[in-house]
Amino acid sequence: MLTQERDEDLLVDFLNTLDTDSATDELATQAGLDAWASRHGLSAGDLDEARKTRDALRLLVTGGQPQLPSVSLRASCDSGGVCLSSETAAEAALAATVVLSIQGRISRVKLCQADTCREAYYDLSRNGSRAWCSMEVCGNRAKARSFRSKQA
């Protein structure tokens, strides 16, 4: 039985197609988009549209006011309520964003505050105040840097 991917997982994975730390972009080529979409059971769609959508959504989760690309979403109703259906990677990422926004959970999708990282993650902390993708890596570096600067 195929289980549906959670909206926050899909969105975080889509945002992380850009890795600023290693300067890699999974959406640099159509083949990269095809591979990402295939892993998520989606059709790839237009590469330029996927990149624009990803960049706009990365800006959105950092508190910016992006110009979102015009992407079609189809609403349907079933016994579980209203569902948004999507086929392409860009549509799926936007549908996940809309659902998380309606549920009041979009603010928990964040980009790591470490300037060298900027990886997306879903904040599961009780009060939603997590600042780094990983306390063990990015958080530890930031705290060590702060400690050293205070000692100097």
C-alpha atoms as a PDB file:
ATOM      1  CA  MET A   1       0.000   0.000   0.000  1.00  0.00           C
ATOM      2  CA  LEU A   2       1.406   3.392  -1.031  1.00  0.00           C
ATOM      3  CA  THR A   3       1.134   5.987   1.713  1.00  0.00           C
ATOM      4  CA  GLN A   4       0.771   9.646   0.884  1.00  0.00           C
ATOM      5  CA  GLU A   5       3.741  11.807   1.747  1.00  0.00           C
ATOM      6  CA  ARG A   6       3.104  14.371   4.461  1.00  0.00           C
ATOM      7  CA  ASP A   7       2.875  17.959   3.223  1.00  0.00           C
ATOM      8  CA  GLU A   8       5.695  19.204   5.453  1.00  0.00           C
ATOM      9  CA  ASP A   9       8.039  16.431   4.297  1.00  0.00           C
ATOM     10  CA  LEU A  10       7.342  17.094   0.626  1.00  0.00           C
ATOM     11  CA  LEU A  11       7.783  20.852   1.015  1.00  0.00           C
ATOM     12  CA  VAL A  12      11.014  20.557   3.019  1.00  0.00           C
ATOM     13  CA  ASP A  13      12.450  18.104   0.493  1.00  0.00           C
ATOM     14  CA  PHE A  14      11.481  20.421  -2.389  1.00  0.00           C
ATOM     15  CA  LEU A  15      13.103  23.417  -0.671  1.00  0.00           C
ATOM     16  CA  ASN A  16      16.240  21.359  -0.061  1.00  0.00           C
ATOM     17  CA  THR A  17      16.773  20.738  -3.770  1.00  0.00           C
ATOM     18  CA  LEU A  18      19.010  23.795  -3.385  1.00  0.00           C
ATOM     19  CA  ASP A  19      21.983  23.118  -1.108  1.00  0.00           C
ATOM     20  CA  THR A  20      23.818  26.379  -0.484  1.00  0.00           C
ATOM     21  CA  ASP A  21      26.395  24.683   1.760  1.00  0.00           C
ATOM     22  CA  SER A  22      27.741  22.465  -1.017  1.00  0.00           C
ATOM     23  CA  ALA A  23      26.618  24.814  -3.831  1.00  0.00           C
ATOM     24  CA  THR A  24      24.542  22.117  -5.523  1.00  0.00           C
ATOM     25  CA  ASP A  25      21.154  22.481  -7.136  1.00  0.00           C
ATOM     26  CA  GLU A  26      19.126  19.362  -7.821  1.00  0.00           C
ATOM     27  CA  LEU A  27      16.974  21.459 -10.153  1.00  0.00           C
ATOM     28  CA  ALA A  28      19.929  22.612 -12.239  1.00  0.00           C
ATOM     29  CA  THR A  29      18.873  20.278 -15.047  1.00  0.00           C
ATOM     30  CA  GLN A  30      15.680  18.693 -16.306  1.00  0.00           C
ATOM     31  CA  ALA A  31      17.163  15.291 -15.432  1.00  0.00           C
ATOM     32  CA  GLY A  32      17.561  16.408 -11.814  1.00  0.00           C
ATOM     33  CA  LEU A  33      13.946  17.591 -11.671  1.00  0.00           C
ATOM     34  CA  ASP A  34      12.817  14.348 -13.328  1.00  0.00           C
ATOM     35  CA  ALA A  35      14.645  12.297 -10.686  1.00  0.00           C
ATOM     36  CA  TRP A  36      13.231  14.352  -7.788  1.00  0.00           C
ATOM     37  CA  ALA A  37       9.690  14.173  -9.158  1.00  0.00           C
ATOM     38  CA  SER A  38       9.975  10.437  -9.780  1.00  0.00           C
ATOM     39  CA  ARG A  39      11.027   9.811  -6.152  1.00  0.00           C
ATOM     40  CA  HIS A  40       7.825  11.580  -5.070  1.00  0.00           C
ATOM     41  CA  GLY A  41       5.479   9.963  -7.582  1.00  0.00           C
ATOM     42  CA  LEU A  42       4.961  13.179  -9.547  1.00  0.00           C
ATOM     43  CA  SER A  43       5.544  14.300 -13.089  1.00  0.00           C
ATOM     44  CA  ALA A  44       8.399  16.756 -13.364  1.00  0.00           C
ATOM     45  CA  GLY A  45       6.721  19.568 -15.230  1.00  0.00           C
ATOM     46  CA  ASP A  46       8.556  22.645 -16.420  1.00  0.00           C
ATOM     47  CA  LEU A  47      12.078  23.134 -15.025  1.00  0.00           C
ATOM     48  CA  ASP A  48      11.913  26.941 -15.010  1.00  0.00           C
ATOM     49  CA  GLU A  49       8.551  26.861 -13.220  1.00  0.00           C
ATOM     50  CA  ALA A  50       9.900  24.439 -10.599  1.00  0.00           C
ATOM     51  CA  ARG A  51      12.946  26.629  -9.928  1.00  0.00           C
ATOM     52  CA  LYS A  52      10.859  29.806  -9.670  1.00  0.00           C
ATOM     53  CA  THR A  53       8.428  28.052  -7.333  1.00  0.00           C
ATOM     54  CA  ARG A  54      11.225  26.717  -5.133  1.00  0.00           C
ATOM     55  CA  ASP A  55      12.952  30.103  -4.914  1.00  0.00           C
ATOM     56  CA  ALA A  56       9.678  31.884  -4.104  1.00  0.00           C
ATOM     57  CA  LEU A  57       8.812  29.335  -1.407  1.00  0.00           C
ATOM     58  CA  ARG A  58      12.292  29.624   0.151  1.00  0.00           C
ATOM     59  CA  LEU A  59      11.701  33.375   0.365  1.00  0.00           C
ATOM     60  CA  LEU A  60       8.209  32.814   1.795  1.00  0.00           C
ATOM     61  CA  VAL A  61       9.416  30.623   4.675  1.00  0.00           C
ATOM     62  CA  THR A  62      12.000  33.253   5.649  1.00  0.00           C
ATOM     63  CA  GLY A  63       9.265  35.870   6.000  1.00  0.00           C
ATOM     64  CA  GLY A  64       9.612  37.456   2.578  1.00  0.00           C
ATOM     65  CA  GLN A  65       6.812  38.492   0.248  1.00  0.00           C
ATOM     66  CA  PRO A  66       7.540  36.486  -2.907  1.00  0.00           C
ATOM     67  CA  GLN A  67       5.787  36.690  -6.231  1.00  0.00           C
ATOM     68  CA  LEU A  68       4.514  33.121  -6.574  1.00  0.00           C
ATOM     69  CA  PRO A  69       4.393  31.652 -10.064  1.00  0.00           C
ATOM     70  CA  SER A  70       0.987  30.937 -11.509  1.00  0.00           C
ATOM     71  CA  VAL A  71       0.518  27.209 -10.980  1.00  0.00           C
ATOM     72  CA  SER A  72      -2.738  25.285 -11.307  1.00  0.00           C
ATOM     73  CA  LEU A  73      -4.150  23.409  -8.339  1.00  0.00           C
ATOM     74  CA  ARG A  74      -7.333  21.375  -8.480  1.00  0.00           C
ATOM     75  CA  ALA A  75      -9.614  21.121  -5.474  1.00  0.00           C
ATOM     76  CA  SER A  76     -11.779  18.088  -4.855  1.00  0.00           C
ATOM     77  CA  CYS A  77     -13.970  16.909  -2.006  1.00  0.00           C
ATOM     78  CA  ASP A  78     -14.250  13.506  -0.397  1.00  0.00           C
ATOM     79  CA  SER A  79     -15.279  12.155   2.982  1.00  0.00           C
ATOM     80  CA  GLY A  80     -12.068  13.546   4.482  1.00  0.00           C
ATOM     81  CA  GLY A  81     -12.804  17.098   3.340  1.00  0.00           C
ATOM     82  CA  VAL A  82     -11.288  19.269   0.667  1.00  0.00           C
ATOM     83  CA  CYS A  83      -8.162  18.003  -1.081  1.00  0.00           C
ATOM     84  CA  LEU A  84      -5.777  19.771  -3.421  1.00  0.00           C
ATOM     85  CA  SER A  85      -4.533  17.607  -6.237  1.00  0.00           C
ATOM     86  CA  SER A  86      -1.332  18.191  -8.116  1.00  0.00           C
ATOM     87  CA  GLU A  87       0.671  16.444 -10.782  1.00  0.00           C
ATOM     88  CA  THR A  88       3.946  18.325 -11.131  1.00  0.00           C
ATOM     89  CA  ALA A  89       6.669  19.077  -8.606  1.00  0.00           C
ATOM     90  CA  ALA A  90       5.833  22.795  -8.521  1.00  0.00           C
ATOM     91  CA  GLU A  91       2.107  22.116  -8.102  1.00  0.00           C
ATOM     92  CA  ALA A  92       2.751  19.636  -5.284  1.00  0.00           C
ATOM     93  CA  ALA A  93       5.024  22.061  -3.417  1.00  0.00           C
ATOM     94  CA  LEU A  94       2.467  24.852  -3.712  1.00  0.00           C
ATOM     95  CA  ALA A  95      -0.380  22.540  -2.677  1.00  0.00           C
ATOM     96  CA  ALA A  96       1.615  21.503   0.408  1.00  0.00           C
ATOM     97  CA  THR A  97       2.250  25.170   1.193  1.00  0.00           C
ATOM     98  CA  VAL A  98      -1.453  26.026   0.905  1.00  0.00           C
ATOM     99  CA  VAL A  99      -2.458  23.105   3.140  1.00  0.00           C
ATOM    100  CA  LEU A 100       0.171  23.972   5.773  1.00  0.00           C
ATOM    101  CA  SER A 101      -0.922  27.627   5.643  1.00  0.00           C
ATOM    102  CA  ILE A 102      -4.571  26.717   6.161  1.00  0.00           C
ATOM    103  CA  GLN A 103      -3.591  24.462   9.058  1.00  0.00           C
ATOM    104  CA  GLY A 104      -1.491  27.245  10.615  1.00  0.00           C
ATOM    105  CA  ARG A 105       1.702  25.165  10.335  1.00  0.00           C
ATOM    106  CA  ILE A 106       3.585  26.937   7.543  1.00  0.00           C
ATOM    107  CA  SER A 107       5.527  28.965  10.124  1.00  0.00           C
ATOM    108  CA  ARG A 108       7.147  25.708  11.276  1.00  0.00           C
ATOM    109  CA  VAL A 109       8.834  25.251   7.897  1.00  0.00           C
ATOM    110  CA  LYS A 110      12.087  27.171   8.261  1.00  0.00           C
ATOM    111  CA  LEU A 111      15.528  27.646   6.787  1.00  0.00           C
ATOM    112  CA  CYS A 112      18.516  27.097   9.064  1.00  0.00           C
ATOM    113  CA  GLN A 113      19.790  30.411  10.436  1.00  0.00           C
ATOM    114  CA  ALA A 114      23.411  29.401   9.850  1.00  0.00           C
ATOM    115  CA  ASP A 115      24.596  31.505   6.909  1.00  0.00           C
ATOM    116  CA  THR A 116      26.646  28.647   5.517  1.00  0.00           C
ATOM    117  CA  CYS A 117      23.780  26.146   5.677  1.00  0.00           C
ATOM    118  CA  ARG A 118      20.262  27.502   4.906  1.00  0.00           C
ATOM    119  CA  GLU A 119      18.816  23.956   4.846  1.00  0.00           C
ATOM    120  CA  ALA A 120      15.038  23.699   5.198  1.00  0.00           C
ATOM    121  CA  TYR A 121      13.551  21.768   8.116  1.00  0.00           C
ATOM    122  CA  TYR A 122      10.227  21.332   9.891  1.00  0.00           C
ATOM    123  CA  ASP A 123      10.358  22.731  13.436  1.00  0.00           C
ATOM    124  CA  LEU A 124       8.885  20.171  15.843  1.00  0.00           C
ATOM    125  CA  SER A 125       9.874  22.073  18.989  1.00  0.00           C
ATOM    126  CA  ARG A 126       7.059  22.784  21.426  1.00  0.00           C
ATOM    127  CA  ASN A 127       7.131  26.568  21.022  1.00  0.00           C
ATOM    128  CA  GLY A 128       8.331  26.661  17.415  1.00  0.00           C
ATOM    129  CA  SER A 129      11.537  28.520  18.246  1.00  0.00           C
ATOM    130  CA  ARG A 130      14.132  26.188  16.727  1.00  0.00           C
ATOM    131  CA  ALA A 131      16.742  28.171  14.786  1.00  0.00           C
ATOM    132  CA  TRP A 132      19.026  25.560  13.223  1.00  0.00           C
ATOM    133  CA  CYS A 133      18.498  22.475  11.100  1.00  0.00           C
ATOM    134  CA  SER A 134      20.688  20.532  13.525  1.00  0.00           C
ATOM    135  CA  MET A 135      21.717  21.509  17.035  1.00  0.00           C
ATOM    136  CA  GLU A 136      24.592  19.034  16.798  1.00  0.00           C
ATOM    137  CA  VAL A 137      26.112  20.758  13.756  1.00  0.00           C
ATOM    138  CA  CYS A 138      24.865  24.263  12.952  1.00  0.00           C
ATOM    139  CA  GLY A 139      23.653  25.108  16.460  1.00  0.00           C
ATOM    140  CA  ASN A 140      26.864  23.912  18.056  1.00  0.00           C
ATOM    141  CA  ARG A 141      28.975  25.954  15.625  1.00  0.00           C
ATOM    142  CA  ALA A 142      26.940  29.107  16.288  1.00  0.00           C
ATOM    143  CA  LYS A 143      27.118  28.682  20.060  1.00  0.00           C
ATOM    144  CA  ALA A 144      30.862  27.958  19.951  1.00  0.00           C
ATOM    145  CA  ARG A 145      31.409  31.044  17.756  1.00  0.00           C
ATOM    146  CA  SER A 146      29.401  33.163  20.202  1.00  0.00           C
ATOM    147  CA  PHE A 147      31.335  31.785  23.178  1.00  0.00           C
ATOM    148  CA  ARG A 148      34.709  32.461  21.517  1.00  0.00           C
ATOM    149  CA  SER A 149      33.737  36.031  20.628  1.00  0.00           C
ATOM    150  CA  LYS A 150      32.735  36.699  24.254  1.00  0.00           C
ATOM    151  CA  GLN A 151      36.061  35.291  25.501  1.00  0.00           C
ATOM    152  CA  ALA A 152      38.123  37.506  23.184  1.00  0.00           C
END
